[in-house]
Structures are given as C-alpha cells and as structure tokens.
Full PDB file with SEQRES, HELIX, SHEET, SSBOND, CRYST1, ORIGX, SCALE, CONECT and MASTER records, all heavy atoms in Angstrom:
SEQRES   1 A   41  VAL GLN LEU VAL GLU SER GLY GLY GLY LEU VAL GLN PRO          
SEQRES   2 A   41  GLY GLY SER LEU ARG LEU SER CYS VAL ALA SER GLY SER          
SEQRES   3 A   41  ILE SER ASN ASN ASN MET GLY TRP TYR ARG GLN ALA PRO          
SEQRES   4 A   41  GLY LYS                                                      
SHEET    1 AA1 2 LEU A   3  SER A   6  0                                        
SHEET    2 AA1 2 SER A  20  ALA A  23 -1                                        
CRYST1    1.000    1.000    1.000  90.00  90.00  90.00 P 1           1          
ORIGX1      1.000000  0.000000  0.000000        0.00000                         
ORIGX2      0.000000  1.000000  0.000000        0.00000                         
ORIGX3      0.000000  0.000000  1.000000        0.00000                         
SCALE1      1.000000  0.000000  0.000000        0.00000                         
SCALE2      0.000000  1.000000  0.000000        0.00000                         
SCALE3      0.000000  0.000000  1.000000        0.00000                         
ATOM      1  N   VAL A   1     118.344  70.853 115.048  1.00  0.00           N  
ATOM      2  CA  VAL A   1     119.347  70.043 114.351  1.00  0.00           C  
ATOM      3  C   VAL A   1     120.719  70.189 114.990  1.00  0.00           C  
ATOM      4  O   VAL A   1     121.114  71.315 115.339  1.00  0.00           O  
ATOM      5  CB  VAL A   1     119.431  70.451 112.855  1.00  0.00           C  
ATOM      6  CG1 VAL A   1     120.573  69.713 112.161  1.00  0.00           C  
ATOM      7  CG2 VAL A   1     118.113  70.127 112.131  1.00  0.00           C  
ATOM      8  N   GLN A   2     121.380  69.083 115.147  1.00  0.00           N  
ATOM      9  CA  GLN A   2     122.795  69.141 115.630  1.00  0.00           C  
ATOM     10  C   GLN A   2     123.737  68.851 114.496  1.00  0.00           C  
ATOM     11  O   GLN A   2     123.453  67.945 113.670  1.00  0.00           O  
ATOM     12  CB  GLN A   2     123.007  68.131 116.748  1.00  0.00           C  
ATOM     13  CG  GLN A   2     122.220  68.484 118.052  1.00  0.00           C  
ATOM     14  CD  GLN A   2     122.562  67.575 119.205  1.00  0.00           C  
ATOM     15  OE1 GLN A   2     122.935  66.422 118.990  1.00  0.00           O  
ATOM     16  NE2 GLN A   2     122.436  68.059 120.405  1.00  0.00           N  
ATOM     17  N   LEU A   3     124.787  69.597 114.411  1.00  0.00           N  
ATOM     18  CA  LEU A   3     125.805  69.466 113.395  1.00  0.00           C  
ATOM     19  C   LEU A   3     127.117  69.058 114.019  1.00  0.00           C  
ATOM     20  O   LEU A   3     127.564  69.740 114.938  1.00  0.00           O  
ATOM     21  CB  LEU A   3     125.980  70.757 112.615  1.00  0.00           C  
ATOM     22  CG  LEU A   3     124.712  71.332 111.961  1.00  0.00           C  
ATOM     23  CD1 LEU A   3     124.963  72.710 111.378  1.00  0.00           C  
ATOM     24  CD2 LEU A   3     124.188  70.406 110.902  1.00  0.00           C  
ATOM     25  N   VAL A   4     127.735  67.996 113.550  1.00  0.00           N  
ATOM     26  CA  VAL A   4     128.988  67.504 114.126  1.00  0.00           C  
ATOM     27  C   VAL A   4     130.038  67.476 113.040  1.00  0.00           C  
ATOM     28  O   VAL A   4     129.907  66.676 112.078  1.00  0.00           O  
ATOM     29  CB  VAL A   4     128.826  66.142 114.786  1.00  0.00           C  
ATOM     30  CG1 VAL A   4     130.142  65.662 115.382  1.00  0.00           C  
ATOM     31  CG2 VAL A   4     127.757  66.199 115.875  1.00  0.00           C  
ATOM     32  N   GLU A   5     131.089  68.282 113.216  1.00  0.00           N  
ATOM     33  CA  GLU A   5     132.188  68.293 112.246  1.00  0.00           C  
ATOM     34  C   GLU A   5     133.276  67.287 112.628  1.00  0.00           C  
ATOM     35  O   GLU A   5     133.464  66.978 113.838  1.00  0.00           O  
ATOM     36  CB  GLU A   5     132.827  69.679 112.156  1.00  0.00           C  
ATOM     37  CG  GLU A   5     131.910  70.792 111.832  1.00  0.00           C  
ATOM     38  CD  GLU A   5     131.319  71.525 113.058  1.00  0.00           C  
ATOM     39  OE1 GLU A   5     131.304  70.936 114.134  1.00  0.00           O  
ATOM     40  OE2 GLU A   5     130.977  72.731 112.914  1.00  0.00           O  
ATOM     41  N   SER A   6     133.987  66.798 111.669  1.00  0.00           N  
ATOM     42  CA  SER A   6     135.134  65.899 111.894  1.00  0.00           C  
ATOM     43  C   SER A   6     136.106  66.025 110.694  1.00  0.00           C  
ATOM     44  O   SER A   6     135.739  66.619 109.682  1.00  0.00           O  
ATOM     45  CB  SER A   6     134.678  64.469 112.080  1.00  0.00           C  
ATOM     46  OG  SER A   6     134.056  63.971 110.883  1.00  0.00           O  
ATOM     47  N   GLY A   7     137.309  65.478 110.908  1.00  0.00           N  
ATOM     48  CA  GLY A   7     138.247  65.452 109.812  1.00  0.00           C  
ATOM     49  C   GLY A   7     139.382  66.427 109.934  1.00  0.00           C  
ATOM     50  O   GLY A   7     140.317  66.449 109.080  1.00  0.00           O  
ATOM     51  N   GLY A   8     139.338  67.300 110.925  1.00  0.00           N  
ATOM     52  CA  GLY A   8     140.419  68.227 111.101  1.00  0.00           C  
ATOM     53  C   GLY A   8     141.691  67.563 111.599  1.00  0.00           C  
ATOM     54  O   GLY A   8     141.711  66.376 111.951  1.00  0.00           O  
ATOM     55  N   GLY A   9     142.786  68.329 111.617  1.00  0.00           N  
ATOM     56  CA  GLY A   9     144.026  67.781 112.093  1.00  0.00           C  
ATOM     57  C   GLY A   9     145.227  68.604 111.632  1.00  0.00           C  
ATOM     58  O   GLY A   9     145.031  69.732 111.127  1.00  0.00           O  
ATOM     59  N   LEU A  10     146.377  68.060 111.820  1.00  0.00           N  
ATOM     60  CA  LEU A  10     147.627  68.718 111.407  1.00  0.00           C  
ATOM     61  C   LEU A  10     148.058  68.196 110.018  1.00  0.00           C  
ATOM     62  O   LEU A  10     148.116  66.974 109.825  1.00  0.00           O  
ATOM     63  CB  LEU A  10     148.716  68.434 112.423  1.00  0.00           C  
ATOM     64  CG  LEU A  10     150.113  68.936 112.102  1.00  0.00           C  
ATOM     65  CD1 LEU A  10     150.149  70.459 112.010  1.00  0.00           C  
ATOM     66  CD2 LEU A  10     151.129  68.428 113.145  1.00  0.00           C  
ATOM     67  N   VAL A  11     148.342  69.120 109.116  1.00  0.00           N  
ATOM     68  CA  VAL A  11     148.755  68.743 107.796  1.00  0.00           C  
ATOM     69  C   VAL A  11     149.851  69.690 107.342  1.00  0.00           C  
ATOM     70  O   VAL A  11     149.892  70.868 107.752  1.00  0.00           O  
ATOM     71  CB  VAL A  11     147.547  68.741 106.835  1.00  0.00           C  
ATOM     72  CG1 VAL A  11     146.966  70.157 106.693  1.00  0.00           C  
ATOM     73  CG2 VAL A  11     147.915  68.219 105.454  1.00  0.00           C  
ATOM     74  N   GLN A  12     150.725  69.184 106.489  1.00  0.00           N  
ATOM     75  CA  GLN A  12     151.837  70.036 105.980  1.00  0.00           C  
ATOM     76  C   GLN A  12     151.319  70.934 104.829  1.00  0.00           C  
ATOM     77  O   GLN A  12     150.329  70.590 104.171  1.00  0.00           O  
ATOM     78  CB  GLN A  12     152.986  69.155 105.485  1.00  0.00           C  
ATOM     79  CG  GLN A  12     153.681  68.387 106.585  1.00  0.00           C  
ATOM     80  CD  GLN A  12     154.879  67.668 106.075  1.00  0.00           C  
ATOM     81  OE1 GLN A  12     155.051  67.429 104.871  1.00  0.00           O  
ATOM     82  NE2 GLN A  12     155.802  67.261 106.939  1.00  0.00           N  
ATOM     83  N   PRO A  13     151.997  72.026 104.637  1.00  0.00           N  
ATOM     84  CA  PRO A  13     151.608  72.898 103.493  1.00  0.00           C  
ATOM     85  C   PRO A  13     151.626  72.092 102.199  1.00  0.00           C  
ATOM     86  O   PRO A  13     152.530  71.285 102.008  1.00  0.00           O  
ATOM     87  CB  PRO A  13     152.706  73.979 103.519  1.00  0.00           C  
ATOM     88  CG  PRO A  13     153.106  74.052 104.927  1.00  0.00           C  
ATOM     89  CD  PRO A  13     153.031  72.646 105.460  1.00  0.00           C  
ATOM     90  N   GLY A  14     150.599  72.316 101.379  1.00  0.00           N  
ATOM     91  CA  GLY A  14     150.471  71.590 100.134  1.00  0.00           C  
ATOM     92  C   GLY A  14     149.653  70.290 100.265  1.00  0.00           C  
ATOM     93  O   GLY A  14     149.299  69.680  99.267  1.00  0.00           O  
ATOM     94  N   GLY A  15     149.356  69.936 101.483  1.00  0.00           N  
ATOM     95  CA  GLY A  15     148.594  68.712 101.750  1.00  0.00           C  
ATOM     96  C   GLY A  15     147.100  68.907 101.604  1.00  0.00           C  
ATOM     97  O   GLY A  15     146.595  69.971 101.228  1.00  0.00           O  
ATOM     98  N   SER A  16     146.355  67.815 101.913  1.00  0.00           N  
ATOM     99  CA  SER A  16     144.902  67.819 101.710  1.00  0.00           C  
ATOM    100  C   SER A  16     144.230  67.264 102.979  1.00  0.00           C  
ATOM    101  O   SER A  16     144.811  66.444 103.711  1.00  0.00           O  
ATOM    102  CB  SER A  16     144.504  66.935 100.547  1.00  0.00           C  
ATOM    103  OG  SER A  16     145.029  67.453  99.313  1.00  0.00           O  
ATOM    104  N   LEU A  17     143.022  67.708 103.191  1.00  0.00           N  
ATOM    105  CA  LEU A  17     142.152  67.175 104.249  1.00  0.00           C  
ATOM    106  C   LEU A  17     140.695  67.193 103.731  1.00  0.00           C  
ATOM    107  O   LEU A  17     140.368  68.037 102.868  1.00  0.00           O  
ATOM    108  CB  LEU A  17     142.196  68.021 105.533  1.00  0.00           C  
ATOM    109  CG  LEU A  17     143.396  67.869 106.459  1.00  0.00           C  
ATOM    110  CD1 LEU A  17     143.262  68.843 107.607  1.00  0.00           C  
ATOM    111  CD2 LEU A  17     143.481  66.444 107.030  1.00  0.00           C  
ATOM    112  N   ARG A  18     139.900  66.283 104.235  1.00  0.00           N  
ATOM    113  CA  ARG A  18     138.490  66.330 103.924  1.00  0.00           C  
ATOM    114  C   ARG A  18     137.708  66.435 105.219  1.00  0.00           C  
ATOM    115  O   ARG A  18     137.791  65.566 106.109  1.00  0.00           O  
ATOM    116  CB  ARG A  18     137.989  65.134 103.146  1.00  0.00           C  
ATOM    117  CG  ARG A  18     136.544  65.281 102.698  1.00  0.00           C  
ATOM    118  CD  ARG A  18     136.041  64.123 101.823  1.00  0.00           C  
ATOM    119  NE  ARG A  18     135.665  62.993 102.621  1.00  0.00           N  
ATOM    120  CZ  ARG A  18     134.780  62.018 102.245  1.00  0.00           C  
ATOM    121  NH1 ARG A  18     134.248  62.121 101.044  1.00  0.00           N  
ATOM    122  NH2 ARG A  18     134.542  60.976 103.020  1.00  0.00           N  
ATOM    123  N   LEU A  19     136.955  67.494 105.372  1.00  0.00           N  
ATOM    124  CA  LEU A  19     136.110  67.725 106.509  1.00  0.00           C  
ATOM    125  C   LEU A  19     134.712  67.164 106.237  1.00  0.00           C  
ATOM    126  O   LEU A  19     134.231  67.237 105.108  1.00  0.00           O  
ATOM    127  CB  LEU A  19     136.000  69.186 106.880  1.00  0.00           C  
ATOM    128  CG  LEU A  19     137.309  69.941 107.102  1.00  0.00           C  
ATOM    129  CD1 LEU A  19     137.011  71.358 107.542  1.00  0.00           C  
ATOM    130  CD2 LEU A  19     138.178  69.225 108.106  1.00  0.00           C  
ATOM    131  N   SER A  20     134.080  66.619 107.286  1.00  0.00           N  
ATOM    132  CA  SER A  20     132.723  66.118 107.171  1.00  0.00           C  
ATOM    133  C   SER A  20     131.835  66.830 108.206  1.00  0.00           C  
ATOM    134  O   SER A  20     132.322  67.180 109.318  1.00  0.00           O  
ATOM    135  CB  SER A  20     132.649  64.642 107.424  1.00  0.00           C  
ATOM    136  OG  SER A  20     133.410  63.941 106.436  1.00  0.00           O  
ATOM    137  N   CYS A  21     130.618  67.049 107.896  1.00  0.00           N  
ATOM    138  CA  CYS A  21     129.629  67.618 108.825  1.00  0.00           C  
ATOM    139  C   CYS A  21     128.374  66.752 108.735  1.00  0.00           C  
ATOM    140  O   CYS A  21     127.696  66.703 107.703  1.00  0.00           O  
ATOM    141  CB  CYS A  21     129.291  69.058 108.449  1.00  0.00           C  
ATOM    142  SG  CYS A  21     127.865  69.773 109.284  1.00  0.00           S  
ATOM    143  N   VAL A  22     128.115  66.032 109.825  1.00  0.00           N  
ATOM    144  CA  VAL A  22     126.963  65.158 109.883  1.00  0.00           C  
ATOM    145  C   VAL A  22     125.860  65.834 110.670  1.00  0.00           C  
ATOM    146  O   VAL A  22     126.059  66.278 111.785  1.00  0.00           O  
ATOM    147  CB  VAL A  22     127.319  63.799 110.508  1.00  0.00           C  
ATOM    148  CG1 VAL A  22     126.064  62.911 110.553  1.00  0.00           C  
ATOM    149  CG2 VAL A  22     128.423  63.127 109.707  1.00  0.00           C  
ATOM    150  N   ALA A  23     124.663  65.889 110.062  1.00  0.00           N  
ATOM    151  CA  ALA A  23     123.500  66.489 110.711  1.00  0.00           C  
ATOM    152  C   ALA A  23     122.650  65.403 111.354  1.00  0.00           C  
ATOM    153  O   ALA A  23     122.559  64.298 110.852  1.00  0.00           O  
ATOM    154  CB  ALA A  23     122.714  67.281 109.688  1.00  0.00           C  
ATOM    155  N   SER A  24     121.956  65.817 112.439  1.00  0.00           N  
ATOM    156  CA  SER A  24     121.136  64.847 113.132  1.00  0.00           C  
ATOM    157  C   SER A  24     119.799  64.643 112.463  1.00  0.00           C  
ATOM    158  O   SER A  24     119.038  63.734 112.828  1.00  0.00           O  
ATOM    159  CB  SER A  24     120.898  65.331 114.583  1.00  0.00           C  
ATOM    160  OG  SER A  24     120.294  66.621 114.571  1.00  0.00           O  
ATOM    161  N   GLY A  25     119.509  65.529 111.459  1.00  0.00           N  
ATOM    162  CA  GLY A  25     118.255  65.346 110.718  1.00  0.00           C  
ATOM    163  C   GLY A  25     118.520  65.576 109.254  1.00  0.00           C  
ATOM    164  O   GLY A  25     119.684  65.774 108.807  1.00  0.00           O  
ATOM    165  N   SER A  26     117.473  65.512 108.507  1.00  0.00           N  
ATOM    166  CA  SER A  26     117.592  65.679 107.041  1.00  0.00           C  
ATOM    167  C   SER A  26     118.052  67.070 106.644  1.00  0.00           C  
ATOM    168  O   SER A  26     117.609  68.039 107.270  1.00  0.00           O  
ATOM    169  CB  SER A  26     116.231  65.396 106.395  1.00  0.00           C  
ATOM    170  OG  SER A  26     116.323  65.673 104.964  1.00  0.00           O  
ATOM    171  N   ILE A  27     118.974  67.122 105.677  1.00  0.00           N  
ATOM    172  CA  ILE A  27     119.427  68.434 105.182  1.00  0.00           C  
ATOM    173  C   ILE A  27     119.045  68.622 103.716  1.00  0.00           C  
ATOM    174  O   ILE A  27     119.516  69.565 103.096  1.00  0.00           O  
ATOM    175  CB  ILE A  27     120.971  68.560 105.323  1.00  0.00           C  
ATOM    176  CG1 ILE A  27     121.699  67.505 104.516  1.00  0.00           C  
ATOM    177  CG2 ILE A  27     121.377  68.497 106.792  1.00  0.00           C  
ATOM    178  CD1 ILE A  27     123.163  67.744 104.348  1.00  0.00           C  
ATOM    179  N   SER A  28     118.232  67.745 103.171  1.00  0.00           N  
ATOM    180  CA  SER A  28     117.987  67.770 101.754  1.00  0.00           C  
ATOM    181  C   SER A  28     117.346  69.076 101.282  1.00  0.00           C  
ATOM    182  O   SER A  28     117.546  69.449 100.104  1.00  0.00           O  
ATOM    183  CB  SER A  28     117.094  66.607 101.373  1.00  0.00           C  
ATOM    184  OG  SER A  28     115.842  66.647 102.051  1.00  0.00           O  
ATOM    185  N   ASN A  29     116.626  69.771 102.098  1.00  0.00           N  
ATOM    186  CA  ASN A  29     116.011  71.050 101.708  1.00  0.00           C  
ATOM    187  C   ASN A  29     116.738  72.270 102.295  1.00  0.00           C  
ATOM    188  O   ASN A  29     116.174  73.362 102.294  1.00  0.00           O  
ATOM    189  CB  ASN A  29     114.527  71.074 102.174  1.00  0.00           C  
ATOM    190  CG  ASN A  29     113.715  70.046 101.377  1.00  0.00           C  
ATOM    191  OD1 ASN A  29     113.848  69.918 100.163  1.00  0.00           O  
ATOM    192  ND2 ASN A  29     112.847  69.312 102.072  1.00  0.00           N  
ATOM    193  N   ASN A  30     117.918  72.034 102.796  1.00  0.00           N  
ATOM    194  CA  ASN A  30     118.655  73.111 103.518  1.00  0.00           C  
ATOM    195  C   ASN A  30     119.821  73.626 102.714  1.00  0.00           C  
ATOM    196  O   ASN A  30     120.513  72.883 102.015  1.00  0.00           O  
ATOM    197  CB  ASN A  30     119.165  72.565 104.861  1.00  0.00           C  
ATOM    198  CG  ASN A  30     118.041  72.050 105.749  1.00  0.00           C  
ATOM    199  OD1 ASN A  30     116.892  72.132 105.422  1.00  0.00           O  
ATOM    200  ND2 ASN A  30     118.458  71.482 106.891  1.00  0.00           N  
ATOM    201  N   ASN A  31     120.094  74.945 102.885  1.00  0.00           N  
ATOM    202  CA  ASN A  31     121.299  75.520 102.396  1.00  0.00           C  
ATOM    203  C   ASN A  31     122.353  75.394 103.520  1.00  0.00           C  
ATOM    204  O   ASN A  31     122.090  75.719 104.650  1.00  0.00           O  
ATOM    205  CB  ASN A  31     121.116  76.990 102.030  1.00  0.00           C  
ATOM    206  CG  ASN A  31     120.160  77.178 100.866  1.00  0.00           C  
ATOM    207  OD1 ASN A  31     119.900  76.235 100.126  1.00  0.00           O  
ATOM    208  ND2 ASN A  31     119.620  78.379 100.757  1.00  0.00           N  
ATOM    209  N   MET A  32     123.517  74.906 103.138  1.00  0.00           N  
ATOM    210  CA  MET A  32     124.570  74.608 104.148  1.00  0.00           C  
ATOM    211  C   MET A  32     125.835  75.340 103.773  1.00  0.00           C  
ATOM    212  O   MET A  32     126.050  75.779 102.624  1.00  0.00           O  
ATOM    213  CB  MET A  32     124.861  73.105 104.156  1.00  0.00           C  
ATOM    214  CG  MET A  32     123.646  72.227 104.405  1.00  0.00           C  
ATOM    215  SD  MET A  32     122.933  72.408 106.042  1.00  0.00           S  
ATOM    216  CE  MET A  32     124.282  71.751 107.053  1.00  0.00           C  
ATOM    217  N   GLY A  33     126.720  75.516 104.809  1.00  0.00           N  
ATOM    218  CA  GLY A  33     127.977  76.199 104.539  1.00  0.00           C  
ATOM    219  C   GLY A  33     129.066  75.821 105.492  1.00  0.00           C  
ATOM    220  O   GLY A  33     128.812  75.204 106.552  1.00  0.00           O  
ATOM    221  N   TRP A  34     130.273  76.158 105.121  1.00  0.00           N  
ATOM    222  CA  TRP A  34     131.467  76.000 105.927  1.00  0.00           C  
ATOM    223  C   TRP A  34     132.014  77.405 106.213  1.00  0.00           C  
ATOM    224  O   TRP A  34     132.099  78.229 105.276  1.00  0.00           O  
ATOM    225  CB  TRP A  34     132.525  75.160 105.273  1.00  0.00           C  
ATOM    226  CG  TRP A  34     132.257  73.680 105.282  1.00  0.00           C  
ATOM    227  CD1 TRP A  34     131.668  72.979 104.299  1.00  0.00           C  
ATOM    228  CD2 TRP A  34     132.489  72.791 106.363  1.00  0.00           C  
ATOM    229  NE1 TRP A  34     131.542  71.661 104.663  1.00  0.00           N  
ATOM    230  CE2 TRP A  34     132.072  71.474 105.903  1.00  0.00           C  
ATOM    231  CE3 TRP A  34     133.075  72.882 107.621  1.00  0.00           C  
ATOM    232  CZ2 TRP A  34     132.188  70.371 106.731  1.00  0.00           C  
ATOM    233  CZ3 TRP A  34     133.176  71.760 108.401  1.00  0.00           C  
ATOM    234  CH2 TRP A  34     132.757  70.511 107.957  1.00  0.00           C  
ATOM    235  N   TYR A  35     132.414  77.658 107.442  1.00  0.00           N  
ATOM    236  CA  TYR A  35     133.033  78.900 107.857  1.00  0.00           C  
ATOM    237  C   TYR A  35     134.304  78.562 108.589  1.00  0.00           C  
ATOM    238  O   TYR A  35     134.510  77.406 109.004  1.00  0.00           O  
ATOM    239  CB  TYR A  35     132.121  79.690 108.794  1.00  0.00           C  
ATOM    240  CG  TYR A  35     130.866  80.223 108.105  1.00  0.00           C  
ATOM    241  CD1 TYR A  35     129.837  79.344 107.713  1.00  0.00           C  
ATOM    242  CD2 TYR A  35     130.681  81.578 107.884  1.00  0.00           C  
ATOM    243  CE1 TYR A  35     128.708  79.833 107.071  1.00  0.00           C  
ATOM    244  CE2 TYR A  35     129.566  82.062 107.245  1.00  0.00           C  
ATOM    245  CZ  TYR A  35     128.600  81.186 106.860  1.00  0.00           C  
ATOM    246  OH  TYR A  35     127.446  81.682 106.235  1.00  0.00           O  
ATOM    247  N   ARG A  36     135.181  79.521 108.769  1.00  0.00           N  
ATOM    248  CA  ARG A  36     136.386  79.322 109.564  1.00  0.00           C  
ATOM    249  C   ARG A  36     136.758  80.533 110.345  1.00  0.00           C  
ATOM    250  O   ARG A  36     136.431  81.679 109.968  1.00  0.00           O  
ATOM    251  CB  ARG A  36     137.505  78.876 108.637  1.00  0.00           C  
ATOM    252  CG  ARG A  36     138.031  79.949 107.728  1.00  0.00           C  
ATOM    253  CD  ARG A  36     139.104  79.376 106.791  1.00  0.00           C  
ATOM    254  NE  ARG A  36     139.650  80.383 105.880  1.00  0.00           N  
ATOM    255  CZ  ARG A  36     140.516  80.101 104.919  1.00  0.00           C  
ATOM    256  NH1 ARG A  36     140.930  78.856 104.718  1.00  0.00           N  
ATOM    257  NH2 ARG A  36     140.953  81.042 104.105  1.00  0.00           N  
ATOM    258  N   GLN A  37     137.445  80.267 111.484  1.00  0.00           N  
ATOM    259  CA  GLN A  37     137.888  81.358 112.323  1.00  0.00           C  
ATOM    260  C   GLN A  37     139.282  81.088 112.773  1.00  0.00           C  
ATOM    261  O   GLN A  37     139.586  80.113 113.509  1.00  0.00           O  
ATOM    262  CB  GLN A  37     136.951  81.486 113.577  1.00  0.00           C  
ATOM    263  CG  GLN A  37     137.225  82.674 114.422  1.00  0.00           C  
ATOM    264  CD  GLN A  37     136.149  82.970 115.416  1.00  0.00           C  
ATOM    265  OE1 GLN A  37     135.325  82.113 115.743  1.00  0.00           O  
ATOM    266  NE2 GLN A  37     136.112  84.177 115.975  1.00  0.00           N  
ATOM    267  N   ALA A  38     140.180  81.946 112.291  1.00  0.00           N  
ATOM    268  CA  ALA A  38     141.594  81.837 112.705  1.00  0.00           C  
ATOM    269  C   ALA A  38     141.780  82.530 114.054  1.00  0.00           C  
ATOM    270  O   ALA A  38     140.970  83.402 114.453  1.00  0.00           O  
ATOM    271  CB  ALA A  38     142.467  82.517 111.655  1.00  0.00           C  
ATOM    272  N   PRO A  39     142.838  82.196 114.773  1.00  0.00           N  
ATOM    273  CA  PRO A  39     143.093  82.805 116.092  1.00  0.00           C  
ATOM    274  C   PRO A  39     143.127  84.328 116.010  1.00  0.00           C  
ATOM    275  O   PRO A  39     143.804  84.888 115.170  1.00  0.00           O  
ATOM    276  CB  PRO A  39     144.437  82.215 116.502  1.00  0.00           C  
ATOM    277  CG  PRO A  39     144.542  80.977 115.782  1.00  0.00           C  
ATOM    278  CD  PRO A  39     143.841  81.173 114.473  1.00  0.00           C  
ATOM    279  N   GLY A  40     142.333  84.992 116.844  1.00  0.00           N  
ATOM    280  CA  GLY A  40     142.318  86.453 116.891  1.00  0.00           C  
ATOM    281  C   GLY A  40     141.632  87.109 115.768  1.00  0.00           C  
ATOM    282  O   GLY A  40     141.684  88.358 115.628  1.00  0.00           O  
ATOM    283  N   LYS A  41     140.924  86.353 114.922  1.00  0.00           N  
ATOM    284  CA  LYS A  41     140.212  86.911 113.756  1.00  0.00           C  
ATOM    285  C   LYS A  41     138.721  86.590 113.807  1.00  0.00           C  
ATOM    286  O   LYS A  41     138.292  85.748 114.563  1.00  0.00           O  
ATOM    287  CB  LYS A  41     140.820  86.426 112.452  1.00  0.00           C  
ATOM    288  CG  LYS A  41     142.289  86.840 112.279  1.00  0.00           C  
ATOM    289  CD  LYS A  41     142.815  86.490 110.923  1.00  0.00           C  
ATOM    290  CE  LYS A  41     144.201  87.021 110.704  1.00  0.00           C  
ATOM    291  NZ  LYS A  41     144.714  86.716 109.325  1.00  0.00           N  
TER     292      LYS A  41                                                      
MASTER        0    0    0    0    2    0    0    6  291    1    0    4          
END                                                                             
C-alpha cells in the first residue's frame, strides 16, 4: 500500500489546517495513524 499525505503548509498560530492521507488500496479493515517529527526530535 502506498500512502500519500497532503495539506501541509505555513499557518499562523491559532490557525487551522486539514491533512489528508490517501491510500492506494482499501483501508476499511486497517488501523491508521498520524505521527509527526519536529526538527532534531
């Protein structure tokens, strides 16, 4: 399965963004998650 994220960008503090992750196959039976990695962490 390939996962492609989108929706990132520059936003001011207090603002909002919606990220999307589109899978190349069905995810209906899958557990999914979002992770993040800050610089140097």
